[in-house]
Amino acid sequence: MAKKNDTGFQSSAGLMRYFDTEDDKGIKISPRTVIGIAIAVVVVVLLANTLFPL
């Protein structure tokens, strides 16, 4: 029995419609800011671990 492979376009069309919409309601954060915050959190955790050992 032959398999039908015509479902790929239909399933990807929904994803394309989902990602093509622009949402202006959310907060805009640059990637550099996110990386900077992550590095700052790592530094704070390392300093806290050094200054206040268990």
PDB file of N, CA and C in Angstrom:
ATOM      1  N   MET A   1       0.837  -1.165   0.000  1.00  0.00           N
ATOM      2  CA  MET A   1       0.000   0.000   0.000  1.00  0.00           C
ATOM      3  C   MET A   1       0.893   1.242   0.000  1.00  0.00           C
ATOM      4  N   ALA A   2       0.634   2.171  -0.865  1.00  0.00           N
ATOM      5  CA  ALA A   2       1.455   3.374  -0.992  1.00  0.00           C
ATOM      6  C   ALA A   2       1.065   4.400   0.072  1.00  0.00           C
ATOM      7  N   LYS A   3       2.082   5.083   0.591  1.00  0.00           N
ATOM      8  CA  LYS A   3       1.829   6.122   1.593  1.00  0.00           C
ATOM      9  C   LYS A   3       1.635   7.467   0.903  1.00  0.00           C
ATOM     10  N   LYS A   4       0.771   8.279   1.467  1.00  0.00           N
ATOM     11  CA  LYS A   4       0.574   9.627   0.927  1.00  0.00           C
ATOM     12  C   LYS A   4       1.488  10.587   1.668  1.00  0.00           C
ATOM     13  N   ASN A   5       2.265  11.344   0.938  1.00  0.00           N
ATOM     14  CA  ASN A   5       3.192  12.305   1.527  1.00  0.00           C
ATOM     15  C   ASN A   5       2.774  13.738   1.229  1.00  0.00           C
ATOM     16  N   ASP A   6       1.486  14.016   1.207  1.00  0.00           N
ATOM     17  CA  ASP A   6       1.025  15.357   0.880  1.00  0.00           C
ATOM     18  C   ASP A   6       0.642  16.168   2.111  1.00  0.00           C
ATOM     19  N   THR A   7       1.006  15.724   3.307  1.00  0.00           N
ATOM     20  CA  THR A   7       0.629  16.455   4.516  1.00  0.00           C
ATOM     21  C   THR A   7       1.703  17.442   4.951  1.00  0.00           C
ATOM     22  N   GLY A   8       2.878  17.427   4.355  1.00  0.00           N
ATOM     23  CA  GLY A   8       3.964  18.312   4.766  1.00  0.00           C
ATOM     24  C   GLY A   8       3.668  19.774   4.546  1.00  0.00           C
ATOM     25  N   PHE A   9       3.087  20.111   3.422  1.00  0.00           N
ATOM     26  CA  PHE A   9       2.814  21.511   3.124  1.00  0.00           C
ATOM     27  C   PHE A   9       1.728  22.070   4.030  1.00  0.00           C
ATOM     28  N   GLN A  10       0.721  21.288   4.301  1.00  0.00           N
ATOM     29  CA  GLN A  10      -0.373  21.763   5.143  1.00  0.00           C
ATOM     30  C   GLN A  10       0.098  22.011   6.573  1.00  0.00           C
ATOM     31  N   SER A  11       0.928  21.133   7.093  1.00  0.00           N
ATOM     32  CA  SER A  11       1.387  21.316   8.468  1.00  0.00           C
ATOM     33  C   SER A  11       2.375  22.476   8.566  1.00  0.00           C
ATOM     34  N   SER A  12       3.198  22.693   7.573  1.00  0.00           N
ATOM     35  CA  SER A  12       4.142  23.802   7.628  1.00  0.00           C
ATOM     36  C   SER A  12       3.460  25.130   7.331  1.00  0.00           C
ATOM     37  N   ALA A  13       2.351  25.109   6.612  1.00  0.00           N
ATOM     38  CA  ALA A  13       1.646  26.347   6.313  1.00  0.00           C
ATOM     39  C   ALA A  13       1.111  26.980   7.590  1.00  0.00           C
ATOM     40  N   GLY A  14       0.649  26.189   8.527  1.00  0.00           N
ATOM     41  CA  GLY A  14       0.171  26.717   9.804  1.00  0.00           C
ATOM     42  C   GLY A  14       1.290  27.346  10.593  1.00  0.00           C
ATOM     43  N   LEU A  15       2.474  26.740  10.589  1.00  0.00           N
ATOM     44  CA  LEU A  15       3.615  27.316  11.303  1.00  0.00           C
ATOM     45  C   LEU A  15       4.068  28.617  10.659  1.00  0.00           C
ATOM     46  N   MET A  16       4.047  28.661   9.336  1.00  0.00           N
ATOM     47  CA  MET A  16       4.450  29.886   8.645  1.00  0.00           C
ATOM     48  C   MET A  16       3.482  31.010   8.976  1.00  0.00           C
ATOM     49  N   ARG A  17       2.203  30.715   9.041  1.00  0.00           N
ATOM     50  CA  ARG A  17       1.220  31.732   9.399  1.00  0.00           C
ATOM     51  C   ARG A  17       1.428  32.196  10.833  1.00  0.00           C
ATOM     52  N   TYR A  18       1.773  31.265  11.729  1.00  0.00           N
ATOM     53  CA  TYR A  18       1.987  31.604  13.135  1.00  0.00           C
ATOM     54  C   TYR A  18       3.204  32.510  13.304  1.00  0.00           C
ATOM     55  N   PHE A  19       4.299  32.202  12.634  1.00  0.00           N
ATOM     56  CA  PHE A  19       5.527  32.973  12.814  1.00  0.00           C
ATOM     57  C   PHE A  19       5.555  34.243  11.972  1.00  0.00           C
ATOM     58  N   ASP A  20       4.689  34.368  10.991  1.00  0.00           N
ATOM     59  CA  ASP A  20       4.647  35.578  10.181  1.00  0.00           C
ATOM     60  C   ASP A  20       3.921  36.723  10.873  1.00  0.00           C
ATOM     61  N   THR A  21       3.124  36.432  11.881  1.00  0.00           N
ATOM     62  CA  THR A  21       2.393  37.493  12.568  1.00  0.00           C
ATOM     63  C   THR A  21       3.353  38.284  13.439  1.00  0.00           C
ATOM     64  N   GLU A  22       3.165  39.592  13.442  1.00  0.00           N
ATOM     65  CA  GLU A  22       4.007  40.459  14.262  1.00  0.00           C
ATOM     66  C   GLU A  22       3.243  40.835  15.517  1.00  0.00           C
ATOM     67  N   ASP A  23       3.890  40.685  16.640  1.00  0.00           N
ATOM     68  CA  ASP A  23       3.252  41.001  17.907  1.00  0.00           C
ATOM     69  C   ASP A  23       3.930  42.229  18.494  1.00  0.00           C
ATOM     70  N   ASP A  24       3.241  43.347  18.490  1.00  0.00           N
ATOM     71  CA  ASP A  24       3.802  44.589  19.012  1.00  0.00           C
ATOM     72  C   ASP A  24       3.479  44.799  20.485  1.00  0.00           C
ATOM     73  N   LYS A  25       2.802  43.861  21.104  1.00  0.00           N
ATOM     74  CA  LYS A  25       2.384  44.025  22.494  1.00  0.00           C
ATOM     75  C   LYS A  25       3.483  43.626  23.482  1.00  0.00           C
ATOM     76  N   GLY A  26       4.414  42.807  23.077  1.00  0.00           N
ATOM     77  CA  GLY A  26       5.434  42.299  23.984  1.00  0.00           C
ATOM     78  C   GLY A  26       6.581  43.273  24.179  1.00  0.00           C
ATOM     79  N   ILE A  27       7.415  42.972  25.173  1.00  0.00           N
ATOM     80  CA  ILE A  27       8.590  43.781  25.474  1.00  0.00           C
ATOM     81  C   ILE A  27       9.682  43.441  24.464  1.00  0.00           C
ATOM     82  N   LYS A  28      10.342  44.450  23.947  1.00  0.00           N
ATOM     83  CA  LYS A  28      11.441  44.242  23.008  1.00  0.00           C
ATOM     84  C   LYS A  28      12.759  44.309  23.768  1.00  0.00           C
ATOM     85  N   ILE A  29      13.495  43.196  23.795  1.00  0.00           N
ATOM     86  CA  ILE A  29      14.795  43.121  24.464  1.00  0.00           C
ATOM     87  C   ILE A  29      15.808  42.642  23.434  1.00  0.00           C
ATOM     88  N   SER A  30      16.920  43.352  23.348  1.00  0.00           N
ATOM     89  CA  SER A  30      17.944  42.958  22.387  1.00  0.00           C
ATOM     90  C   SER A  30      18.677  41.709  22.881  1.00  0.00           C
ATOM     91  N   PRO A  31      19.221  40.925  21.969  1.00  0.00           N
ATOM     92  CA  PRO A  31      19.957  39.723  22.366  1.00  0.00           C
ATOM     93  C   PRO A  31      21.167  40.038  23.246  1.00  0.00           C
ATOM     94  N   ARG A  32      21.818  41.175  23.022  1.00  0.00           N
ATOM     95  CA  ARG A  32      22.964  41.547  23.856  1.00  0.00           C
ATOM     96  C   ARG A  32      22.547  41.787  25.298  1.00  0.00           C
ATOM     97  N   THR A  33      21.363  42.360  25.496  1.00  0.00           N
ATOM     98  CA  THR A  33      20.869  42.588  26.848  1.00  0.00           C
ATOM     99  C   THR A  33      20.614  41.271  27.566  1.00  0.00           C
ATOM    100  N   VAL A  34      20.045  40.312  26.873  1.00  0.00           N
ATOM    101  CA  VAL A  34      19.770  39.003  27.474  1.00  0.00           C
ATOM    102  C   VAL A  34      21.069  38.316  27.870  1.00  0.00           C
ATOM    103  N   ILE A  35      22.076  38.366  27.003  1.00  0.00           N
ATOM    104  CA  ILE A  35      23.369  37.751  27.315  1.00  0.00           C
ATOM    105  C   ILE A  35      24.036  38.483  28.481  1.00  0.00           C
ATOM    106  N   GLY A  36      23.938  39.813  28.502  1.00  0.00           N
ATOM    107  CA  GLY A  36      24.508  40.587  29.606  1.00  0.00           C
ATOM    108  C   GLY A  36      23.861  40.253  30.934  1.00  0.00           C
ATOM    109  N   ILE A  37      22.541  40.103  30.941  1.00  0.00           N
ATOM    110  CA  ILE A  37      21.842  39.744  32.179  1.00  0.00           C
ATOM    111  C   ILE A  37      22.258  38.347  32.634  1.00  0.00           C
ATOM    112  N   ALA A  38      22.395  37.418  31.702  1.00  0.00           N
ATOM    113  CA  ALA A  38      22.807  36.057  32.058  1.00  0.00           C
ATOM    114  C   ALA A  38      24.206  36.046  32.654  1.00  0.00           C
ATOM    115  N   ILE A  39      25.124  36.804  32.065  1.00  0.00           N
ATOM    116  CA  ILE A  39      26.488  36.874  32.601  1.00  0.00           C
ATOM    117  C   ILE A  39      26.484  37.521  33.978  1.00  0.00           C
ATOM    118  N   ALA A  40      25.682  38.565  34.168  1.00  0.00           N
ATOM    119  CA  ALA A  40      25.603  39.225  35.467  1.00  0.00           C
ATOM    120  C   ALA A  40      25.066  38.280  36.536  1.00  0.00           C
ATOM    121  N   VAL A  41      24.084  37.471  36.194  1.00  0.00           N
ATOM    122  CA  VAL A  41      23.533  36.512  37.165  1.00  0.00           C
ATOM    123  C   VAL A  41      24.582  35.469  37.528  1.00  0.00           C
ATOM    124  N   VAL A  42      25.344  35.010  36.553  1.00  0.00           N
ATOM    125  CA  VAL A  42      26.401  34.028  36.835  1.00  0.00           C
ATOM    126  C   VAL A  42      27.443  34.630  37.770  1.00  0.00           C
ATOM    127  N   VAL A  43      27.844  35.872  37.528  1.00  0.00           N
ATOM    128  CA  VAL A  43      28.842  36.526  38.370  1.00  0.00           C
ATOM    129  C   VAL A  43      28.304  36.693  39.798  1.00  0.00           C
ATOM    130  N   VAL A  44      27.055  37.087  39.938  1.00  0.00           N
ATOM    131  CA  VAL A  44      26.463  37.258  41.274  1.00  0.00           C
ATOM    132  C   VAL A  44      26.420  35.930  42.009  1.00  0.00           C
ATOM    133  N   VAL A  45      26.045  34.865  41.333  1.00  0.00           N
ATOM    134  CA  VAL A  45      25.990  33.549  41.978  1.00  0.00           C
ATOM    135  C   VAL A  45      27.387  33.088  42.389  1.00  0.00           C
ATOM    136  N   LEU A  46      28.384  33.294  41.541  1.00  0.00           N
ATOM    137  CA  LEU A  46      29.752  32.900  41.889  1.00  0.00           C
ATOM    138  C   LEU A  46      30.284  33.717  43.066  1.00  0.00           C
ATOM    139  N   LEU A  47      30.004  35.017  43.072  1.00  0.00           N
ATOM    140  CA  LEU A  47      30.430  35.849  44.198  1.00  0.00           C
ATOM    141  C   LEU A  47      29.731  35.442  45.490  1.00  0.00           C
ATOM    142  N   ALA A  48      28.452  35.160  45.421  1.00  0.00           N
ATOM    143  CA  ALA A  48      27.718  34.735  46.624  1.00  0.00           C
ATOM    144  C   ALA A  48      28.250  33.407  47.136  1.00  0.00           C
ATOM    145  N   ASN A  49      28.598  32.520  46.228  1.00  0.00           N
ATOM    146  CA  ASN A  49      29.151  31.223  46.634  1.00  0.00           C
ATOM    147  C   ASN A  49      30.525  31.398  47.281  1.00  0.00           C
ATOM    148  N   THR A  50      31.316  32.363  46.810  1.00  0.00           N
ATOM    149  CA  THR A  50      32.643  32.611  47.360  1.00  0.00           C
ATOM    150  C   THR A  50      32.566  33.315  48.719  1.00  0.00           C
ATOM    151  N   LEU A  51      31.680  34.301  48.812  1.00  0.00           N
ATOM    152  CA  LEU A  51      31.583  35.088  50.037  1.00  0.00           C
ATOM    153  C   LEU A  51      30.813  34.379  51.147  1.00  0.00           C
ATOM    154  N   PHE A  52      29.845  33.589  50.779  1.00  0.00           N
ATOM    155  CA  PHE A  52      29.016  32.893  51.767  1.00  0.00           C
ATOM    156  C   PHE A  52      29.008  31.401  51.520  1.00  0.00           C
ATOM    157  N   PRO A  53      30.130  30.720  51.796  1.00  0.00           N
ATOM    158  CA  PRO A  53      30.168  29.267  51.559  1.00  0.00           C
ATOM    159  C   PRO A  53      29.274  28.518  52.549  1.00  0.00           C
ATOM    160  N   LEU A  54      28.773  27.401  52.126  1.00  0.00           N
ATOM    161  CA  LEU A  54      27.897  26.607  52.998  1.00  0.00           C
ATOM    162  C   LEU A  54      28.713  25.805  53.939  1.00  0.00           C
TER     163      LEU A  54
END
